[in-house]
C-alpha atoms as a PDB file:
ATOM      1  CA  UNK A   1      92.760 105.667 106.777  1.00  0.00           C
ATOM      2  CA  UNK A   2      90.357 104.924 109.620  1.00  0.00           C
ATOM      3  CA  UNK A   3      91.687 104.713 113.165  1.00  0.00           C
ATOM      4  CA  UNK A   4      90.764 101.014 113.348  1.00  0.00           C
ATOM      5  CA  UNK A   5      92.795 100.282 110.204  1.00  0.00           C
ATOM      6  CA  UNK A   6      95.821 102.103 111.585  1.00  0.00           C
ATOM      7  CA  UNK A   7      95.431 100.456 114.990  1.00  0.00           C
ATOM      8  CA  UNK A   8      95.057  97.053 113.318  1.00  0.00           C
ATOM      9  CA  UNK A   9      98.364  97.443 111.460  1.00  0.00           C
ATOM     10  CA  UNK A  10     100.195  98.881 114.475  1.00  0.00           C
ATOM     11  CA  UNK A  11      99.071  96.049 116.760  1.00  0.00           C
ATOM     12  CA  UNK A  12      99.763  93.417 114.117  1.00  0.00           C
ATOM     13  CA  UNK A  13     103.356  94.638 113.610  1.00  0.00           C
ATOM     14  CA  UNK A  14     103.877  95.127 117.359  1.00  0.00           C
ATOM     15  CA  UNK A  15     102.748  91.557 118.089  1.00  0.00           C
ATOM     16  CA  UNK A  16     104.880  90.265 115.202  1.00  0.00           C
ATOM     17  CA  UNK A  17     107.965  91.910 116.730  1.00  0.00           C
ATOM     18  CA  UNK A  18     107.257  90.084 120.014  1.00  0.00           C
ATOM     19  CA  UNK A  19     106.417  86.720 118.498  1.00  0.00           C
ATOM     20  CA  UNK A  20     109.030  84.733 120.407  1.00  0.00           C
ATOM     21  CA  UNK A  21     108.803  86.291 123.862  1.00  0.00           C
ATOM     22  CA  UNK A  22     105.064  86.909 123.822  1.00  0.00           C
ATOM     23  CA  UNK A  23     103.277  89.762 125.562  1.00  0.00           C
ATOM     24  CA  UNK A  24     100.633  90.347 128.185  1.00  0.00           C
ATOM     25  CA  UNK A  25      97.268  91.902 127.442  1.00  0.00           C
ATOM     26  CA  UNK A  26      98.267  94.680 129.842  1.00  0.00           C
ATOM     27  CA  UNK A  27     101.386  95.373 127.756  1.00  0.00           C
ATOM     28  CA  UNK A  28      99.224  95.668 124.652  1.00  0.00           C
ATOM     29  CA  UNK A  29      96.725  98.001 126.348  1.00  0.00           C
ATOM     30  CA  UNK A  30      99.520 100.159 127.752  1.00  0.00           C
ATOM     31  CA  UNK A  31     101.480 100.322 124.479  1.00  0.00           C
ATOM     32  CA  UNK A  32      98.494 101.595 122.504  1.00  0.00           C
ATOM     33  CA  UNK A  33      96.589 103.417 125.248  1.00  0.00           C
ATOM     34  CA  UNK A  34      93.429 101.518 124.393  1.00  0.00           C
ATOM     35  CA  UNK A  35      90.062 102.785 125.542  1.00  0.00           C
ATOM     36  CA  UNK A  36      87.503 100.201 126.658  1.00  0.00           C
ATOM     37  CA  UNK A  37      85.803 100.439 123.257  1.00  0.00           C
ATOM     38  CA  UNK A  38      89.112  99.965 121.416  1.00  0.00           C
ATOM     39  CA  UNK A  39      90.059  97.065 123.689  1.00  0.00           C
ATOM     40  CA  UNK A  40      86.782  95.318 122.857  1.00  0.00           C
ATOM     41  CA  UNK A  41      87.401  95.942 119.145  1.00  0.00           C
ATOM     42  CA  UNK A  42      90.936  94.500 119.405  1.00  0.00           C
ATOM     43  CA  UNK A  43      89.593  91.481 121.297  1.00  0.00           C
ATOM     44  CA  UNK A  44      86.962  90.903 118.603  1.00  0.00           C
ATOM     45  CA  UNK A  45      89.340  91.352 115.646  1.00  0.00           C
ATOM     46  CA  UNK A  46      92.488  89.665 116.951  1.00  0.00           C
ATOM     47  CA  UNK A  47      91.169  87.022 119.327  1.00  0.00           C
ATOM     48  CA  UNK A  48      87.520  86.242 118.696  1.00  0.00           C
ATOM     49  CA  UNK A  49      87.883  82.490 119.468  1.00  0.00           C
ATOM     50  CA  UNK A  50      85.366  81.576 116.774  1.00  0.00           C
ATOM     51  CA  UNK A  51      86.821  79.683 114.996  1.00  0.00           C
ATOM     52  CA  UNK A  52      90.132  79.506 116.834  1.00  0.00           C
ATOM     53  CA  UNK A  53      92.216  79.010 113.672  1.00  0.00           C
ATOM     54  CA  UNK A  54      91.173  82.492 112.491  1.00  0.00           C
ATOM     55  CA  UNK A  55      92.689  84.234 115.519  1.00  0.00           C
ATOM     56  CA  UNK A  56      95.608  86.564 114.887  1.00  0.00           C
ATOM     57  CA  UNK A  57      96.656  86.436 118.552  1.00  0.00           C
ATOM     58  CA  UNK A  58      96.389  83.395 120.809  1.00  0.00           C
ATOM     59  CA  UNK A  59      97.045  82.465 124.435  1.00  0.00           C
ATOM     60  CA  UNK A  60     100.552  81.093 125.085  1.00  0.00           C
ATOM     61  CA  UNK A  61     100.809  80.545 128.828  1.00  0.00           C
ATOM     62  CA  UNK A  62      99.896  81.730 132.300  1.00  0.00           C
ATOM     63  CA  UNK A  63     102.494  82.959 134.801  1.00  0.00           C
ATOM     64  CA  UNK A  64     101.132  82.293 138.297  1.00  0.00           C
ATOM     65  CA  UNK A  65     103.811  84.378 140.038  1.00  0.00           C
ATOM     66  CA  UNK A  66     102.901  87.488 138.045  1.00  0.00           C
ATOM     67  CA  UNK A  67      99.221  86.488 137.643  1.00  0.00           C
ATOM     68  CA  UNK A  68      99.665  87.233 133.971  1.00  0.00           C
ATOM     69  CA  UNK A  69      98.591  85.559 130.747  1.00  0.00           C
ATOM     70  CA  UNK A  70     101.036  85.652 127.840  1.00  0.00           C
ATOM     71  CA  UNK A  71      99.867  85.922 124.251  1.00  0.00           C
ATOM     72  CA  UNK A  72     101.619  85.412 120.915  1.00  0.00           C
ATOM     73  CA  UNK A  73     100.856  86.141 117.308  1.00  0.00           C
ATOM     74  CA  UNK A  74      99.533  83.111 115.416  1.00  0.00           C
ATOM     75  CA  UNK A  75     100.731  81.827 112.059  1.00  0.00           C
ATOM     76  CA  UNK A  76      97.813  83.636 110.426  1.00  0.00           C
ATOM     77  CA  UNK A  77      98.822  86.862 112.182  1.00  0.00           C
ATOM     78  CA  UNK A  78     102.451  86.340 111.197  1.00  0.00           C
ATOM     79  CA  UNK A  79     101.448  85.852 107.565  1.00  0.00           C
ATOM     80  CA  UNK A  80      99.356  89.026 107.640  1.00  0.00           C
ATOM     81  CA  UNK A  81     102.233  91.004 109.190  1.00  0.00           C
ATOM     82  CA  UNK A  82     104.755  89.690 106.653  1.00  0.00           C
ATOM     83  CA  UNK A  83     102.390  90.476 103.770  1.00  0.00           C
ATOM     84  CA  UNK A  84     101.963  94.031 105.053  1.00  0.00           C
ATOM     85  CA  UNK A  85     105.709  94.540 105.558  1.00  0.00           C
ATOM     86  CA  UNK A  86     106.415  93.181 102.060  1.00  0.00           C
ATOM     87  CA  UNK A  87     103.758  95.489 100.626  1.00  0.00           C
ATOM     88  CA  UNK A  88     105.366  98.492 102.323  1.00  0.00           C
ATOM     89  CA  UNK A  89     108.787  97.450 101.016  1.00  0.00           C
ATOM     90  CA  UNK A  90     107.378  97.116  97.492  1.00  0.00           C
ATOM     91  CA  UNK A  91     105.770 100.544  97.819  1.00  0.00           C
ATOM     92  CA  UNK A  92     109.115 102.094  98.763  1.00  0.00           C
ATOM     93  CA  UNK A  93     110.880 100.271  95.913  1.00  0.00           C
ATOM     94  CA  UNK A  94     108.286 101.412  93.387  1.00  0.00           C
ATOM     95  CA  UNK A  95     108.664 105.048  94.469  1.00  0.00           C
ATOM     96  CA  UNK A  96     112.428 104.714  94.085  1.00  0.00           C
ATOM     97  CA  UNK A  97     111.947 103.201  90.616  1.00  0.00           C
ATOM     98  CA  UNK A  98     109.646 106.080  89.636  1.00  0.00           C
ATOM     99  CA  UNK A  99     112.314 108.603  90.643  1.00  0.00           C
ATOM    100  CA  UNK A 100     114.993 106.757  88.667  1.00  0.00           C
ATOM    101  CA  UNK A 101     112.704 106.595  85.624  1.00  0.00           C
ATOM    102  CA  UNK A 102     111.952 110.317  85.880  1.00  0.00           C
ATOM    103  CA  UNK A 103     115.666 111.149  86.056  1.00  0.00           C
ATOM    104  CA  UNK A 104     116.320 108.914  83.025  1.00  0.00           C
ATOM    105  CA  UNK A 105     113.562 110.665  81.055  1.00  0.00           C
ATOM    106  CA  UNK A 106     114.904 114.112  81.954  1.00  0.00           C
ATOM    107  CA  UNK A 107     118.432 113.065  80.948  1.00  0.00           C
ATOM    108  CA  UNK A 108     117.079 111.643  77.668  1.00  0.00           C
ATOM    109  CA  UNK A 109     115.220 114.875  76.893  1.00  0.00           C
ATOM    110  CA  UNK A 110     118.253 117.032  77.730  1.00  0.00           C
ATOM    111  CA  UNK A 111     120.543 114.871  75.554  1.00  0.00           C
ATOM    112  CA  UNK A 112     117.975 114.927  72.727  1.00  0.00           C
ATOM    113  CA  UNK A 113     117.641 118.713  72.864  1.00  0.00           C
ATOM    114  CA  UNK A 114     121.423 119.062  72.995  1.00  0.00           C
ATOM    115  CA  UNK A 115     121.800 116.836  69.908  1.00  0.00           C
ATOM    116  CA  UNK A 116     119.209 118.886  68.023  1.00  0.00           C
ATOM    117  CA  UNK A 117     120.998 122.124  68.903  1.00  0.00           C
ATOM    118  CA  UNK A 118     124.379 120.680  67.874  1.00  0.00           C
ATOM    119  CA  UNK A 119     122.841 119.399  64.606  1.00  0.00           C
ATOM    120  CA  UNK A 120     121.339 122.793  63.773  1.00  0.00           C
ATOM    121  CA  UNK A 121     124.507 124.712  64.581  1.00  0.00           C
ATOM    122  CA  UNK A 122     126.850 122.276  62.853  1.00  0.00           C
END
Protein backbone atom coordinates (compact mmCIF):
# COMPACT_ATOMS: atom_id res chain seq x y z
CA UNK A 1 0.00 0.00 0.00
CA UNK A 2 1.39 3.41 -0.94
CA UNK A 3 2.20 5.90 1.80
CA UNK A 4 -0.51 8.26 0.53
CA UNK A 5 -3.13 5.50 0.79
CA UNK A 6 -2.09 4.68 4.34
CA UNK A 7 -1.94 8.36 5.29
CA UNK A 8 -5.36 8.93 3.71
CA UNK A 9 -6.96 6.20 5.84
CA UNK A 10 -5.15 7.25 9.03
CA UNK A 11 -6.20 10.89 8.65
CA UNK A 12 -9.74 9.95 7.68
CA UNK A 13 -10.18 7.76 10.80
CA UNK A 14 -8.41 10.31 13.02
CA UNK A 15 -10.72 13.11 11.83
CA UNK A 16 -13.74 10.81 12.22
CA UNK A 17 -12.81 10.18 15.86
CA UNK A 18 -12.75 13.96 16.46
CA UNK A 19 -15.91 14.78 14.54
CA UNK A 20 -17.71 16.49 17.41
CA UNK A 21 -14.90 18.49 19.00
CA UNK A 22 -13.09 19.33 15.78
CA UNK A 23 -9.34 19.79 15.41
CA UNK A 24 -6.85 22.41 14.35
CA UNK A 25 -4.66 22.09 11.28
CA UNK A 26 -1.69 22.22 13.65
CA UNK A 27 -3.06 19.22 15.55
CA UNK A 28 -3.33 17.29 12.29
CA UNK A 29 0.21 18.22 11.20
CA UNK A 30 1.62 17.32 14.61
CA UNK A 31 -0.27 14.02 14.88
CA UNK A 32 1.03 12.74 11.55
CA UNK A 33 4.36 14.58 11.38
CA UNK A 34 3.52 15.90 7.93
CA UNK A 35 6.24 17.22 5.67
CA UNK A 36 5.42 20.27 3.54
CA UNK A 37 4.82 18.00 0.55
CA UNK A 38 2.50 15.73 2.56
CA UNK A 39 0.66 18.73 3.99
CA UNK A 40 0.00 20.03 0.48
CA UNK A 41 -1.22 16.57 -0.56
CA UNK A 42 -3.56 16.39 2.46
CA UNK A 43 -4.86 19.89 1.69
CA UNK A 44 -5.53 18.90 -1.93
CA UNK A 45 -7.20 15.56 -1.10
CA UNK A 46 -9.19 16.47 2.01
CA UNK A 47 -9.97 20.15 1.53
CA UNK A 48 -9.61 21.22 -2.08
CA UNK A 49 -12.57 23.67 -1.96
CA UNK A 50 -13.57 22.81 -5.52
CA UNK A 51 -16.40 21.92 -5.32
CA UNK A 52 -16.96 22.41 -1.60
CA UNK A 53 -19.40 19.50 -1.27
CA UNK A 54 -16.59 17.09 -2.21
CA UNK A 55 -14.41 18.10 0.75
CA UNK A 56 -13.74 15.45 3.37
CA UNK A 57 -12.71 18.09 5.93
CA UNK A 58 -14.24 21.54 6.27
CA UNK A 59 -13.76 24.69 8.35
CA UNK A 60 -15.88 24.79 11.53
CA UNK A 61 -14.89 27.96 13.36
CA UNK A 62 -12.15 30.39 14.30
CA UNK A 63 -11.00 30.90 17.89
CA UNK A 64 -9.64 34.45 18.17
CA UNK A 65 -8.11 33.89 21.62
CA UNK A 66 -5.99 30.98 20.38
CA UNK A 67 -5.71 32.36 16.81
CA UNK A 68 -6.75 28.92 15.65
CA UNK A 69 -9.11 27.58 13.01
CA UNK A 70 -11.08 24.45 13.86
CA UNK A 71 -11.92 21.84 11.25
CA UNK A 72 -14.33 18.90 11.22
CA UNK A 73 -14.94 15.91 9.02
CA UNK A 74 -17.80 16.41 6.56
CA UNK A 75 -20.68 14.04 5.91
CA UNK A 76 -18.81 12.74 2.87
CA UNK A 77 -15.73 12.13 5.02
CA UNK A 78 -17.84 10.46 7.70
CA UNK A 79 -19.39 8.16 5.11
CA UNK A 80 -15.96 7.23 3.76
CA UNK A 81 -14.67 6.51 7.28
CA UNK A 82 -17.70 4.38 8.17
CA UNK A 83 -17.39 2.44 4.90
CA UNK A 84 -13.73 1.75 5.62
CA UNK A 85 -14.40 0.69 9.22
CA UNK A 86 -17.23 -1.60 8.07
CA UNK A 87 -14.95 -3.09 5.42
CA UNK A 88 -12.29 -3.82 8.04
CA UNK A 89 -14.90 -5.41 10.31
CA UNK A 90 -16.14 -7.58 7.43
CA UNK A 91 -12.55 -8.59 6.66
CA UNK A 92 -12.03 -9.71 10.26
CA UNK A 93 -15.36 -11.59 10.26
CA UNK A 94 -14.53 -13.35 7.00
CA UNK A 95 -11.16 -14.51 8.36
CA UNK A 96 -12.92 -15.84 11.45
CA UNK A 97 -15.45 -17.65 9.24
CA UNK A 98 -12.62 -19.19 7.19
CA UNK A 99 -11.02 -20.55 10.36
CA UNK A 100 -14.32 -22.01 11.56
CA UNK A 101 -14.91 -23.61 8.15
CA UNK A 102 -11.41 -25.10 8.15
CA UNK A 103 -11.94 -26.58 11.62
CA UNK A 104 -15.29 -28.03 10.50
CA UNK A 105 -13.66 -29.62 7.44
CA UNK A 106 -10.86 -31.13 9.53
CA UNK A 107 -13.39 -32.51 12.03
CA UNK A 108 -15.47 -33.93 9.15
CA UNK A 109 -12.41 -35.64 7.64
CA UNK A 110 -11.32 -37.06 11.00
CA UNK A 111 -14.83 -38.39 11.72
CA UNK A 112 -15.05 -39.84 8.19
CA UNK A 113 -11.69 -41.60 8.51
CA UNK A 114 -12.67 -42.88 11.95
CA UNK A 115 -15.94 -44.29 10.56
CA UNK A 116 -14.08 -46.02 7.73
CA UNK A 117 -11.62 -47.58 10.18
CA UNK A 118 -14.45 -48.72 12.48
CA UNK A 119 -16.33 -50.15 9.46
CA UNK A 120 -13.29 -52.10 8.26
CA UNK A 121 -12.46 -53.47 11.70
CA UNK A 122 -16.04 -54.32 12.62
